[in-house]
Protein backbone atom coordinates (compact mmCIF):
# COMPACT_ATOMS: atom_id res chain seq x y z
CA UNK A 1 -1.79 5.79 19.10
CA UNK A 2 2.27 6.29 20.54
CA UNK A 3 4.91 6.38 18.30
CA UNK A 4 6.61 3.63 20.15
CA UNK A 5 3.95 1.21 19.42
CA UNK A 6 5.66 -0.64 16.33
CA UNK A 7 9.22 -0.43 18.31
CA UNK A 8 7.61 -2.22 21.43
CA UNK A 9 5.19 -4.45 18.74
CA UNK A 10 8.60 -5.94 17.49
CA UNK A 11 10.37 -6.36 20.63
CA UNK A 12 7.49 -8.42 22.10
CA UNK A 13 7.70 -10.97 19.02
CA UNK A 14 11.80 -10.91 19.37
CA UNK A 15 12.96 -13.85 21.30
CA UNK A 16 13.11 -14.19 24.44
CA UNK A 17 9.68 -12.60 24.27
CA UNK A 18 6.92 -14.66 22.00
CA UNK A 19 4.12 -12.76 21.85
CA UNK A 20 2.86 -11.93 17.79
CA UNK A 21 -0.22 -9.74 18.96
CA UNK A 22 0.61 -7.48 22.25
CA UNK A 23 -2.51 -6.45 23.79
CA UNK A 24 -3.48 -2.79 24.32
CA UNK A 25 -2.33 -3.40 28.16
CA UNK A 26 0.88 -4.76 27.27
CA UNK A 27 1.76 -1.50 24.86
CA UNK A 28 0.42 0.55 27.44
CA UNK A 29 3.11 -1.14 29.92
CA UNK A 30 5.94 -0.25 27.84
CA UNK A 31 4.84 3.39 27.17
CA UNK A 32 4.37 3.84 30.74
CA UNK A 33 7.85 2.57 31.54
CA UNK A 34 9.30 4.71 28.65
CA UNK A 35 7.52 7.55 30.66
CA UNK A 36 9.24 6.83 33.71
CA UNK A 37 12.70 6.64 32.03
CA UNK A 38 12.17 9.93 30.42
CA UNK A 39 15.15 9.44 28.37
CA UNK A 40 16.07 11.39 24.86
CA UNK A 41 18.40 8.68 23.84
CA UNK A 42 18.17 7.75 20.29
CA UNK A 43 15.87 4.45 19.59
CA UNK A 44 16.30 3.70 23.23
CA UNK A 45 12.83 4.31 24.98
CA UNK A 46 13.79 2.59 28.33
CA UNK A 47 17.27 3.69 28.74
CA UNK A 48 19.05 0.35 28.00
CA UNK A 49 22.83 -0.16 28.65
CA UNK A 50 23.47 -3.04 26.53
CA UNK A 51 25.95 -2.55 23.54
CA UNK A 52 25.09 -2.77 19.94
CA UNK A 53 26.95 -2.78 16.89
CA UNK A 54 26.61 1.21 15.73
CA UNK A 55 25.89 2.33 19.45
CA UNK A 56 27.33 5.32 20.66
CA UNK A 57 27.57 6.39 24.21
CA UNK A 58 24.49 8.67 25.47
CA UNK A 59 25.40 9.71 28.71
CA UNK A 60 28.11 8.78 31.42
CA UNK A 61 25.53 6.19 33.01
CA UNK A 62 26.07 3.96 30.53
CA UNK A 63 23.09 4.22 28.56
CA UNK A 64 23.17 4.14 24.42
CA UNK A 65 22.12 5.94 21.55
CA UNK A 66 21.07 3.14 18.65
CA UNK A 67 21.94 3.76 14.99
CA UNK A 68 18.55 2.18 14.12
CA UNK A 69 14.86 0.38 15.54
CA UNK A 70 16.42 -3.10 14.54
CA UNK A 71 19.78 -2.53 16.32
CA UNK A 72 17.87 -1.44 19.10
CA UNK A 73 15.60 -4.36 19.24
CA UNK A 74 18.48 -6.89 19.05
CA UNK A 75 20.22 -5.04 21.78
CA UNK A 76 17.04 -4.99 24.20
CA UNK A 77 16.14 -8.90 23.62
CA UNK A 78 19.67 -9.19 24.53
CA UNK A 79 19.72 -7.67 27.98
CA UNK A 80 16.06 -9.66 28.70
CA UNK A 81 17.72 -12.88 27.72
CA UNK A 82 21.04 -12.64 29.87
CA UNK A 83 19.66 -11.14 33.00
CA UNK A 84 17.58 -13.66 35.16
CA UNK A 85 15.80 -11.21 36.93
CA UNK A 86 14.13 -10.01 34.14
CA UNK A 87 12.14 -13.12 33.67
CA UNK A 88 8.70 -12.03 35.54
CA UNK A 89 8.64 -9.33 32.63
CA UNK A 90 8.87 -11.98 29.94
CA UNK A 91 6.45 -14.09 31.35
CA UNK A 92 3.77 -11.11 31.73
CA UNK A 93 4.21 -9.99 27.68
CA UNK A 94 4.17 -13.57 26.59
CA UNK A 95 0.68 -13.72 28.48
CA UNK A 96 -0.62 -10.04 28.09
CA UNK A 97 -0.44 -9.46 31.73
CA UNK A 98 -1.02 -9.01 34.38
CA UNK A 99 1.53 -6.38 35.19
CA UNK A 100 0.29 -4.89 38.80
CA UNK A 101 2.21 -7.89 40.46
CA UNK A 102 4.88 -7.62 42.82
CA UNK A 103 7.20 -9.70 40.68
CA UNK A 104 7.35 -7.50 37.69
CA UNK A 105 7.85 -4.49 40.45
CA UNK A 106 10.69 -6.12 41.70
CA UNK A 107 11.94 -7.01 37.85
CA UNK A 108 11.38 -2.99 37.25
CA UNK A 109 13.21 -2.17 40.25
CA UNK A 110 16.31 -4.06 39.12
CA UNK A 111 16.05 -2.14 35.92
CA UNK A 112 16.52 0.82 37.69
CA UNK A 113 13.16 2.49 36.92
CA UNK A 114 11.95 3.06 40.75
CA UNK A 115 9.09 5.63 40.17
CA UNK A 116 7.27 2.97 37.49
CA UNK A 117 7.93 -0.22 39.70
CA UNK A 118 6.16 1.85 42.72
CA UNK A 119 3.30 2.31 40.35
CA UNK A 120 2.73 -0.94 39.72
CA UNK A 121 2.80 -1.64 42.89
CA UNK A 122 0.19 1.10 44.15
CA UNK A 123 -1.95 -0.60 40.86
CA UNK A 124 -1.52 2.75 39.12
CA UNK A 125 -2.85 3.09 35.48
CA UNK A 126 -0.88 2.18 32.53
CA UNK A 127 -1.03 4.72 30.03
CA UNK A 128 -0.51 5.08 26.22
CA UNK A 129 -0.03 8.32 25.58
CA UNK A 130 3.78 8.47 25.27
CA UNK A 131 5.64 10.16 22.85
CA UNK A 132 9.07 9.19 22.41
CA UNK A 133 11.36 12.11 20.82
CA UNK A 134 14.12 9.26 20.17
CA UNK A 135 11.95 7.46 17.38
CA UNK A 136 11.38 10.00 14.68
CA UNK A 137 9.34 8.57 11.62
CA UNK A 138 12.39 8.18 9.27
CA UNK A 139 15.87 7.07 10.44
CA UNK A 140 18.81 10.14 9.51
CA UNK A 141 22.17 8.74 9.53
CA UNK A 142 23.17 9.80 13.14
CA UNK A 143 26.82 11.91 13.29
CA UNK A 144 29.59 10.56 14.86
CA UNK A 145 29.66 10.96 18.57
CA UNK A 146 32.65 12.74 19.94
CA UNK A 147 34.62 10.73 22.02
CA UNK A 148 34.21 11.72 25.58
CA UNK A 149 37.11 13.13 27.45
CA UNK A 150 37.78 10.58 30.26
CA UNK A 151 36.69 11.84 33.78
CA UNK A 152 39.67 12.93 36.10
CA UNK A 153 39.93 9.82 38.72
CA UNK A 154 38.94 10.82 41.93
CA UNK A 155 41.45 11.34 44.93
CA UNK A 156 41.05 11.13 48.80
CA UNK A 157 42.84 13.10 51.26
CA UNK A 158 44.35 9.74 52.69
CA UNK A 159 46.14 6.73 51.51
CA UNK A 160 43.65 3.89 49.35
CA UNK A 161 43.56 0.34 49.00
CA UNK A 162 41.36 -2.01 46.89
CA UNK A 163 38.75 -4.46 48.40
CA UNK A 164 36.63 -7.37 47.07
CA UNK A 165 33.16 -7.35 47.71
CA UNK A 166 32.12 -10.42 49.19
CA UNK A 167 28.40 -11.96 50.04
CA UNK A 168 26.18 -10.03 52.29
CA UNK A 169 28.31 -7.29 52.23
CA UNK A 170 26.47 -3.76 51.67
CA UNK A 171 28.43 -0.61 50.79
CA UNK A 172 27.38 1.07 54.38
CA UNK A 173 28.83 -2.16 56.05
CA UNK A 174 31.76 -1.68 53.96
CA UNK A 175 32.57 2.14 54.50
CA UNK A 176 32.04 1.55 58.10
CA UNK A 177 34.80 -1.26 58.11
CA UNK A 178 36.88 1.20 56.45
CA UNK A 179 36.36 3.92 58.69
CA UNK A 180 34.82 6.08 56.00
CA UNK A 181 31.56 7.76 55.14
CA UNK A 182 28.75 6.24 52.84
CA UNK A 183 29.72 9.14 50.70
CA UNK A 184 33.32 9.24 50.90
CA UNK A 185 33.02 5.05 49.31
CA UNK A 186 30.47 6.55 46.52
CA UNK A 187 32.87 9.51 45.53
CA UNK A 188 35.60 6.96 45.17
CA UNK A 189 33.77 4.42 43.22
CA UNK A 190 31.45 6.49 40.96
CA UNK A 191 30.40 3.03 38.76
CA UNK A 192 30.07 0.85 41.60
CA UNK A 193 26.13 0.37 41.38
CA UNK A 194 24.32 -2.05 39.11
CA UNK A 195 22.83 -0.77 36.91
CA UNK A 196 25.20 2.65 36.66
CA UNK A 197 24.77 5.34 39.33
CA UNK A 198 22.62 2.90 41.55
CA UNK A 199 24.83 2.91 44.52
CA UNK A 200 22.45 0.62 46.47
CA UNK A 201 23.28 -2.59 44.59
CA UNK A 202 26.58 -4.09 44.13
CA UNK A 203 27.48 -7.51 43.51
CA UNK A 204 29.95 -10.01 45.10
CA UNK A 205 33.19 -9.94 42.98
CA UNK A 206 33.06 -6.01 42.73
CA UNK A 207 36.22 -4.82 43.33
CA UNK A 208 35.87 -0.88 45.20
CA UNK A 209 38.72 1.48 46.23
CA UNK A 210 38.38 1.84 49.99
CA UNK A 211 40.56 3.78 53.00
CA UNK A 212 44.03 1.85 53.51
CA UNK A 213 44.25 1.20 57.16
CA UNK A 214 46.81 3.49 59.08
CA UNK A 215 50.09 2.99 59.90
CA UNK A 216 50.34 1.85 63.66
CA UNK A 217 51.54 4.74 65.75
CA UNK A 218 54.48 4.44 68.10
CA UNK A 219 53.75 2.79 71.32
CA UNK A 220 52.70 5.46 73.72
CA UNK A 221 54.91 5.91 76.79
CA UNK A 222 53.34 4.12 79.87
CA UNK A 223 52.41 5.76 83.12
CA UNK A 224 53.46 5.24 86.36
CA UNK A 225 50.27 3.15 87.45
CA UNK A 226 49.00 -0.57 86.44
CA UNK A 227 46.87 -0.75 83.63
CA UNK A 228 44.05 -2.86 82.19
CA UNK A 229 41.78 -3.80 79.31
CA UNK A 230 38.28 -2.42 78.99
CA UNK A 231 35.71 -3.51 76.48
CA UNK A 232 33.87 -0.73 74.89
CA UNK A 233 29.91 -1.04 75.44
CA UNK A 234 27.11 0.23 74.23
CA UNK A 235 26.51 4.03 75.47
CA UNK A 236 30.00 4.44 76.29
CA UNK A 237 32.06 7.42 75.66
CA UNK A 238 35.78 8.34 75.98
CA UNK A 239 35.32 11.04 78.43
CA UNK A 240 32.63 8.54 80.42
CA UNK A 241 35.15 5.80 80.61
CA UNK A 242 37.98 8.54 81.40
CA UNK A 243 35.90 9.51 84.46
CA UNK A 244 34.75 6.08 85.61
CA UNK A 245 38.58 5.07 85.92
CA UNK A 246 39.85 8.14 87.73
CA UNK A 247 41.74 9.49 84.53
CA UNK A 248 41.28 12.63 82.12
CA UNK A 249 40.60 12.41 79.26
CA UNK A 250 44.16 13.55 77.67
CA UNK A 251 45.81 10.52 79.71
CA UNK A 252 42.88 8.38 78.20
CA UNK A 253 43.63 9.60 74.49
CA UNK A 254 47.18 9.23 75.05
CA UNK A 255 47.28 5.68 76.19
CA UNK A 256 44.94 5.19 73.31
CA UNK A 257 46.01 6.97 69.91
CA UNK A 258 43.67 4.72 67.78
CA UNK A 259 40.45 4.90 69.82
CA UNK A 260 38.52 7.13 67.34
CA UNK A 261 36.84 6.15 64.09
CA UNK A 262 37.93 7.13 61.80
CA UNK A 263 41.60 7.10 63.37
CA UNK A 264 42.25 10.29 65.23
CA UNK A 265 38.70 10.99 66.15
CA UNK A 266 38.43 10.34 69.73
CA UNK A 267 34.34 11.64 69.77
CA UNK A 268 33.86 7.75 68.00
CA UNK A 269 34.37 4.76 69.72
CA UNK A 270 32.28 1.24 68.55
CA UNK A 271 31.11 -1.45 71.07
CA UNK A 272 33.76 -3.89 71.28
CA UNK A 273 36.81 -1.82 71.11
CA UNK A 274 39.26 -2.54 73.59
CA UNK A 275 40.99 0.19 75.36
CA UNK A 276 43.88 0.93 77.97
CA UNK A 277 42.47 2.27 81.41
CA UNK A 278 43.76 3.05 84.77
CA UNK A 279 43.61 -0.42 87.24
């Protein structure tokens, strides 16, 4: 029997769960989940980030070391009670399965254990041979954890501002809108993901650091020929637009100093951009 069985049996009997007699399949479900986490956090085989009395940081992703099994069980129960997306897990545990459902897999994905979610979706076997190093037979008093030094704030080579995430936003769209790469956005917002470290999940109301809009350059001198506005189409390039309008690339760039995305990169234009060309 796995040494986490007693831990998960206690969890199954604690609200919002109501399973006083978890089946072998239920215990195997939790043990396979714990194996997928692979953490050595103390009394925390599923790498929960919920705070609790006496809990200390285990890593910079927010996972906690819990001082006892009892404290850990209350922290876990609080997590399951307060996150609606975990309801399929609660329902499956209270009925002792089944666990290989899309709803349970989606809930595990929300938790962040993506490999285990894949096992559930593919009908992979649940196993009960996980031995957690975080649950010793006795409970020694943990030494106080040293106070971690704050991580230096990430910097950018250009001015920044803040942006409040709106419904329907994604990190890719926000990066594109502010003329940044996705990597630059994630570097400036290292804890934007939910759960921490998962950059694919952001919520409306999150405040992100983004690139500030550049100051408008001085108006370029007008040439000695008439001009008109051209709307960039799919497949267009600045060199192609210049040739079609009997201009040199240098003339086109001089008339449109902000045509590039990001600013100053004349090799990148987007459909819908409006630029000045020779009439």
